[in-house]
Protein backbone atom coordinates (compact mmCIF):
# COMPACT_ATOMS: atom_id res chain seq x y z
CA UNK A 1 74.00 -89.84 -31.06
CA UNK A 2 76.49 -91.16 -28.49
CA UNK A 3 80.13 -91.87 -29.16
CA UNK A 4 81.78 -95.25 -28.70
CA UNK A 5 79.92 -96.72 -25.73
CA UNK A 6 82.64 -99.30 -25.11
CA UNK A 7 85.82 -97.61 -26.25
CA UNK A 8 88.87 -96.61 -24.22
CA UNK A 9 89.88 -92.99 -24.89
CA UNK A 10 89.05 -93.44 -28.59
CA UNK A 11 89.38 -89.75 -29.35
CA UNK A 12 92.76 -89.15 -27.73
CA UNK A 13 95.49 -88.06 -30.08
CA UNK A 14 93.80 -89.27 -33.29
CA UNK A 15 94.32 -87.48 -36.55
CA UNK A 16 91.32 -85.97 -38.32
CA UNK A 17 90.87 -88.65 -40.97
CA UNK A 18 90.83 -91.45 -38.41
CA UNK A 19 88.44 -89.50 -36.20
CA UNK A 20 85.99 -89.06 -39.07
CA UNK A 21 86.21 -92.76 -39.93
CA UNK A 22 85.57 -93.82 -36.34
CA UNK A 23 82.65 -91.39 -36.02
CA UNK A 24 81.02 -92.79 -39.15
CA UNK A 25 81.40 -96.34 -37.87
CA UNK A 26 79.93 -95.41 -34.50
CA UNK A 27 77.03 -93.73 -36.28
CA UNK A 28 76.39 -96.94 -38.19
CA UNK A 29 76.54 -99.00 -35.00
CA UNK A 30 74.16 -96.83 -32.98
CA UNK A 31 71.15 -96.77 -35.26
CA UNK A 32 67.48 -96.91 -34.31
CA UNK A 33 67.81 -100.30 -32.68
CA UNK A 34 69.92 -98.88 -29.82
CA UNK A 35 68.01 -95.74 -28.93
CA UNK A 36 67.59 -95.07 -25.23
CA UNK A 37 64.12 -94.61 -23.79
CA UNK A 38 64.94 -91.54 -21.73
CA UNK A 39 61.42 -91.53 -20.27
CA UNK A 40 62.54 -94.17 -17.75
CA UNK A 41 65.61 -92.21 -16.65
CA UNK A 42 65.88 -89.46 -14.05
CA UNK A 43 68.54 -86.79 -14.63
CA UNK A 44 70.54 -85.91 -11.51
CA UNK A 45 73.04 -83.04 -11.25
CA UNK A 46 75.31 -82.13 -8.38
CA UNK A 47 78.18 -79.77 -7.76
CA UNK A 48 81.47 -81.38 -6.86
CA UNK A 49 84.98 -79.96 -6.98
CA UNK A 50 83.70 -76.71 -8.47
CA UNK A 51 82.11 -78.53 -11.44
CA UNK A 52 78.63 -79.66 -12.33
CA UNK A 53 78.48 -83.44 -12.52
CA UNK A 54 75.73 -85.41 -14.26
CA UNK A 55 74.11 -88.80 -13.78
CA UNK A 56 71.11 -90.69 -15.15
CA UNK A 57 69.17 -92.91 -12.74
CA UNK A 58 66.79 -95.74 -13.55
CA UNK A 59 64.23 -96.16 -10.78
CA UNK A 60 62.66 -99.63 -10.54
CA UNK A 61 59.21 -99.89 -12.10
CA UNK A 62 57.90 -100.92 -8.70
CA UNK A 63 59.58 -98.76 -6.09
CA UNK A 64 60.77 -101.10 -3.31
CA UNK A 65 59.09 -100.79 0.09
CA UNK A 66 62.38 -101.49 1.87
CA UNK A 67 65.88 -100.15 1.12
CA UNK A 68 67.11 -101.49 -2.22
CA UNK A 69 70.55 -102.06 -3.76
CA UNK A 70 72.31 -99.42 -5.88
CA UNK A 71 74.31 -100.34 -8.98
CA UNK A 72 76.67 -97.70 -10.42
CA UNK A 73 77.48 -98.32 -14.10
CA UNK A 74 80.57 -96.55 -15.53
CA UNK A 75 80.97 -95.96 -19.27
CA UNK A 76 84.20 -96.48 -21.19
CA UNK A 77 86.57 -93.75 -22.37
CA UNK A 78 84.91 -91.58 -25.00
CA UNK A 79 81.47 -92.73 -23.83
CA UNK A 80 78.57 -91.31 -21.87
CA UNK A 81 75.80 -92.47 -19.57
CA UNK A 82 73.39 -92.98 -22.46
CA UNK A 83 76.15 -94.68 -24.43
CA UNK A 84 76.68 -97.42 -21.83
CA UNK A 85 72.93 -98.01 -21.66
CA UNK A 86 73.03 -98.55 -25.42
CA UNK A 87 76.05 -100.80 -25.11
CA UNK A 88 74.29 -103.02 -22.55
CA UNK A 89 71.02 -102.89 -24.54
CA UNK A 90 69.22 -101.49 -21.46
CA UNK A 91 69.56 -104.85 -19.75
CA UNK A 92 70.50 -103.37 -16.39
CA UNK A 93 67.32 -101.29 -16.55
CA UNK A 94 65.30 -104.44 -17.24
CA UNK A 95 66.96 -106.17 -14.30
CA UNK A 96 66.35 -103.08 -12.17
CA UNK A 97 62.63 -103.44 -12.84
CA UNK A 98 62.48 -107.19 -12.26
CA UNK A 99 64.94 -107.44 -9.34
CA UNK A 100 64.21 -104.15 -7.59
CA UNK A 101 67.46 -102.15 -7.53
CA UNK A 102 68.45 -98.63 -8.57
CA UNK A 103 70.79 -98.28 -11.57
CA UNK A 104 72.88 -95.09 -11.77
CA UNK A 105 74.81 -94.04 -14.89
CA UNK A 106 77.20 -91.14 -14.18
CA UNK A 107 79.12 -89.35 -16.95
CA UNK A 108 82.82 -88.67 -16.55
CA UNK A 109 84.26 -85.25 -17.34
CA UNK A 110 85.82 -85.24 -20.79
CA UNK A 111 84.11 -88.62 -21.28
CA UNK A 112 86.78 -90.22 -19.11
CA UNK A 113 87.54 -91.34 -15.56
CA UNK A 114 90.58 -90.62 -13.42
CA UNK A 115 91.73 -94.18 -12.74
CA UNK A 116 94.79 -93.03 -10.73
CA UNK A 117 97.34 -95.40 -12.30
CA UNK A 118 99.18 -94.87 -15.58
CA UNK A 119 96.53 -92.46 -16.85
CA UNK A 120 97.88 -89.05 -17.81
CA UNK A 121 96.47 -89.27 -21.34
CA UNK A 122 92.76 -88.94 -20.45
CA UNK A 123 91.08 -85.62 -19.60
CA UNK A 124 90.14 -86.73 -16.09
CA UNK A 125 93.62 -88.08 -15.39
CA UNK A 126 95.44 -85.07 -16.87
CA UNK A 127 93.32 -82.70 -14.80
CA UNK A 128 93.39 -84.83 -11.64
CA UNK A 129 89.59 -84.92 -11.43
CA UNK A 130 88.33 -86.21 -8.09
CA UNK A 131 86.15 -88.97 -9.50
CA UNK A 132 86.25 -91.05 -6.32
CA UNK A 133 84.92 -88.05 -4.41
CA UNK A 134 82.27 -87.52 -7.08
CA UNK A 135 81.04 -91.12 -6.83
CA UNK A 136 80.97 -90.86 -3.03
CA UNK A 137 78.98 -87.63 -3.25
CA UNK A 138 76.65 -89.18 -5.82
CA UNK A 139 75.94 -92.10 -3.51
CA UNK A 140 75.05 -89.66 -0.72
CA UNK A 141 72.82 -87.68 -3.06
CA UNK A 142 70.96 -90.78 -4.22
CA UNK A 143 70.65 -92.11 -0.68
CA UNK A 144 69.00 -88.83 0.28
CA UNK A 145 66.48 -89.18 -2.56
CA UNK A 146 65.81 -92.93 -2.54
CA UNK A 147 65.79 -95.75 0.00
CA UNK A 148 69.24 -97.20 -0.72
CA UNK A 149 70.53 -100.25 1.12
CA UNK A 150 73.95 -99.09 2.34
CA UNK A 151 75.16 -102.68 2.58
CA UNK A 152 74.43 -103.40 -1.10
CA UNK A 153 76.13 -100.72 -3.17
CA UNK A 154 77.97 -102.03 -6.24
CA UNK A 155 79.91 -100.67 -9.22
CA UNK A 156 80.63 -101.98 -12.69
CA UNK A 157 82.14 -100.60 -15.88
CA UNK A 158 83.88 -101.36 -19.13
CA UNK A 159 87.43 -100.40 -20.14
CA UNK A 160 88.17 -96.98 -18.60
CA UNK A 161 85.01 -97.47 -16.49
CA UNK A 162 86.28 -100.90 -15.47
CA UNK A 163 89.62 -99.40 -14.45
CA UNK A 164 87.68 -96.84 -12.40
CA UNK A 165 85.76 -99.68 -10.72
CA UNK A 166 89.05 -101.04 -9.41
CA UNK A 167 89.89 -97.61 -8.00
CA UNK A 168 86.52 -97.46 -6.23
CA UNK A 169 87.22 -100.87 -4.70
CA UNK A 170 90.52 -99.48 -3.42
CA UNK A 171 89.28 -96.14 -2.11
CA UNK A 172 85.60 -96.65 -1.27
CA UNK A 173 85.77 -100.18 0.14
CA UNK A 174 83.83 -99.00 3.19
CA UNK A 175 80.93 -98.13 0.89
CA UNK A 176 81.27 -100.30 -2.24
CA UNK A 177 80.46 -103.96 -1.49
CA UNK A 178 81.57 -105.35 -4.84
CA UNK A 179 82.72 -104.45 -8.34
CA UNK A 180 82.61 -106.04 -11.78
CA UNK A 181 85.19 -104.92 -14.35
CA UNK A 182 84.69 -105.70 -18.05
CA UNK A 183 87.59 -105.44 -20.55
CA UNK A 184 89.83 -104.05 -17.80
CA UNK A 185 92.67 -105.09 -15.52
CA UNK A 186 94.52 -103.23 -12.78
CA UNK A 187 96.32 -100.23 -14.31
CA UNK A 188 100.05 -100.17 -13.63
CA UNK A 189 100.70 -98.02 -10.57
CA UNK A 190 97.16 -98.22 -9.20
CA UNK A 191 97.67 -101.01 -6.71
CA UNK A 192 100.53 -99.14 -5.00
CA UNK A 193 97.88 -96.69 -3.80
CA UNK A 194 95.25 -99.34 -3.07
CA UNK A 195 94.34 -99.56 0.63
CA UNK A 196 90.90 -101.16 1.00
CA UNK A 197 89.68 -101.13 4.59
CA UNK A 198 87.59 -104.28 4.13
CA UNK A 199 87.33 -107.12 1.59
CA UNK A 200 85.61 -106.22 -1.68
CA UNK A 201 84.08 -108.83 -3.97
CA UNK A 202 85.46 -108.64 -7.51
CA UNK A 203 84.28 -110.10 -10.81
CA UNK A 204 86.51 -109.74 -13.89
CA UNK A 205 85.16 -110.36 -17.41
CA UNK A 206 87.93 -110.22 -20.02
CA UNK A 207 88.40 -111.43 -23.58
CA UNK A 208 91.59 -113.24 -24.54
CA UNK A 209 91.76 -111.46 -27.91
CA UNK A 210 91.03 -107.92 -26.76
CA UNK A 211 93.00 -105.72 -29.20
CA UNK A 212 92.85 -102.66 -26.93
CA UNK A 213 93.27 -103.96 -23.36
CA UNK A 214 95.44 -107.09 -23.78
CA UNK A 215 94.45 -110.06 -21.63
CA UNK A 216 98.08 -110.76 -20.78
CA UNK A 217 98.86 -107.16 -19.82
CA UNK A 218 101.30 -104.69 -21.32
CA UNK A 219 100.04 -101.48 -22.93
CA UNK A 220 96.56 -100.28 -23.77
CA UNK A 221 96.81 -99.76 -27.54
CA UNK A 222 94.42 -97.94 -29.86
CA UNK A 223 95.11 -97.97 -33.60
CA UNK A 224 98.77 -98.78 -32.89
CA UNK A 225 99.25 -95.99 -30.33
CA UNK A 226 100.04 -96.92 -26.72
CA UNK A 227 97.85 -95.27 -24.07
CA UNK A 228 99.11 -96.63 -20.75
CA UNK A 229 100.38 -99.75 -18.99
CA UNK A 230 98.25 -102.44 -17.36
CA UNK A 231 98.73 -105.68 -15.45
CA UNK A 232 97.70 -109.03 -16.88
CA UNK A 233 94.32 -110.54 -16.11
CA UNK A 234 95.98 -113.33 -14.10
CA UNK A 235 98.00 -110.82 -12.05
CA UNK A 236 94.84 -108.79 -11.43
CA UNK A 237 92.98 -111.88 -10.22
CA UNK A 238 95.91 -112.82 -7.99
CA UNK A 239 96.05 -109.31 -6.53
CA UNK A 240 92.39 -109.24 -5.50
CA UNK A 241 92.57 -112.82 -4.25
CA UNK A 242 95.40 -111.71 -1.95
CA UNK A 243 93.51 -108.58 -0.83
CA UNK A 244 90.46 -110.70 -0.02
CA UNK A 245 92.49 -113.40 1.75
CA UNK A 246 91.47 -116.14 -0.69
CA UNK A 247 93.06 -119.59 -0.53
CA UNK A 248 94.69 -121.32 -3.47
CA UNK A 249 91.62 -123.42 -4.26
CA UNK A 250 89.74 -122.70 -7.47
CA UNK A 251 86.63 -124.06 -9.10
CA UNK A 252 86.67 -123.77 -12.91
CA UNK A 253 83.93 -124.78 -15.32
CA UNK A 254 83.22 -124.26 -18.98
CA UNK A 255 79.88 -122.61 -19.70
CA UNK A 256 77.64 -123.85 -22.53
CA UNK A 257 78.54 -122.70 -26.04
CA UNK A 258 75.04 -121.30 -26.60
CA UNK A 259 76.10 -119.41 -29.75
CA UNK A 260 78.60 -121.51 -31.72
CA UNK A 261 78.72 -118.86 -34.44
CA UNK A 262 80.21 -116.07 -32.30
CA UNK A 263 83.73 -117.54 -32.19
CA UNK A 264 84.00 -117.48 -28.39
CA UNK A 265 83.91 -119.86 -25.44
CA UNK A 266 83.36 -118.91 -21.82
CA UNK A 267 85.08 -120.29 -18.73
CA UNK A 268 84.11 -119.28 -15.18
CA UNK A 269 86.61 -119.57 -12.33
CA UNK A 270 85.77 -118.84 -8.70
CA UNK A 271 88.57 -118.38 -6.18
CA UNK A 272 87.98 -119.33 -2.60
CA UNK A 273 85.89 -119.24 -0.55
CA UNK A 274 87.60 -116.05 0.57
CA UNK A 275 87.62 -114.04 3.77
CA UNK A 276 84.28 -112.25 3.55
CA UNK A 277 84.31 -111.68 -0.21
CA UNK A 278 84.28 -113.48 -3.57
CA UNK A 279 86.63 -113.28 -6.55
CA UNK A 280 85.40 -114.56 -9.91
CA UNK A 281 87.03 -114.55 -13.35
CA UNK A 282 84.97 -114.97 -16.49
CA UNK A 283 87.40 -115.67 -19.33
CA UNK A 284 86.02 -115.11 -22.82
CA UNK A 285 88.27 -117.18 -25.06
CA UNK A 286 88.27 -115.42 -28.44
CA UNK A 287 86.47 -112.39 -27.01
CA UNK A 288 87.43 -108.79 -27.74
CA UNK A 289 87.04 -105.31 -26.27
CA UNK A 290 83.33 -105.84 -25.95
CA UNK A 291 80.44 -106.33 -23.54
CA UNK A 292 79.27 -109.97 -23.72
CA UNK A 293 75.66 -110.01 -24.86
CA UNK A 294 75.84 -106.30 -25.64
CA UNK A 295 75.94 -104.08 -28.71
CA UNK A 296 78.72 -104.85 -31.18
CA UNK A 297 79.49 -101.14 -31.52
CA UNK A 298 82.31 -101.19 -34.10
CA UNK A 299 83.57 -103.62 -36.77
CA UNK A 300 85.30 -106.72 -35.42
CA UNK A 301 88.67 -105.77 -36.87
CA UNK A 302 88.78 -102.79 -34.49
CA UNK A 303 87.34 -104.29 -31.28
CA UNK A 304 87.35 -108.06 -31.68
CA UNK A 305 84.43 -110.42 -31.17
CA UNK A 306 81.37 -110.03 -28.93
CA UNK A 307 80.40 -113.20 -27.09
CA UNK A 308 76.74 -114.19 -27.03
CA UNK A 309 77.24 -117.27 -24.89
CA UNK A 310 76.45 -115.15 -21.82
CA UNK A 311 74.98 -111.77 -21.02
CA UNK A 312 77.45 -109.87 -18.85
CA UNK A 313 74.64 -107.89 -17.20
CA UNK A 314 73.00 -111.09 -15.99
CA UNK A 315 76.30 -112.55 -14.80
CA UNK A 316 77.16 -109.35 -12.95
CA UNK A 317 73.81 -108.99 -11.22
CA UNK A 318 73.72 -112.68 -10.26
CA UNK A 319 77.17 -112.17 -8.72
CA UNK A 320 76.15 -109.08 -6.78
CA UNK A 321 72.80 -110.43 -5.65
CA UNK A 322 74.53 -113.51 -4.26
CA UNK A 323 76.72 -111.50 -1.88
CA UNK A 324 75.65 -111.82 1.76
């Protein structure tokens, strides 16, 4: 049983009664329907920073004859590798088989990632874990085992994993071609340390009614307790548009309301064309702290609505596969 595949540091500083309640709800959400078929996953371990680090890898059903892309998928705070596979309903694994790329699911120490910004409340942040170095080492390890296309390495994640994706874009821009952050904006203080050496394509998928990571910025808040400061979605888009030398021009379109019952609408905005990269915002009006098209892992009053008008996995892979 995995804990909170999409949450952001759900276990930090909670009292016992709340912890028990949340655990019971997560147990209800992760029943038989979301079990992971571990037979299609390869366990990889490596030593980094004096610690053993773990990762699960999905190898395409048909191993590519030529070097193939690598997608790194980062779980949210309190989650695990298996948890984010459950959250995404194994869709990245399905796409891996049909599109021919490797999908890697690392697990953060203390079920968290060191996002660098306003992040002293998570285990990885408090202990200054070198997660950027770990991801870089993981890429080298996988490249030594599989035929990885070095020009098509991507990262995505939700919440704490989405925040970590931004850090990878800042610090591994020579390796990471593009990122997609779900339910995440730039953490306050992160961009002051951001020095990408080349443009990085960025997709942002955020819900306007996210009760944990507010669309308009402010503080990450869990059950009324503040966990750190973040920029607004618009400021985050503007930041990456500036980094990637994008012009003012934007193309915005409303996507079909394919599930009128989910209480959400989706708008897609592309900035640019930019200088060697792309910046795309997918705004989920009415959406919560959730993965569009994914598992609704807790009751709506805690995490908001899950949109079923799109599948975030499909949107993300279409974005990455279109980068040239």
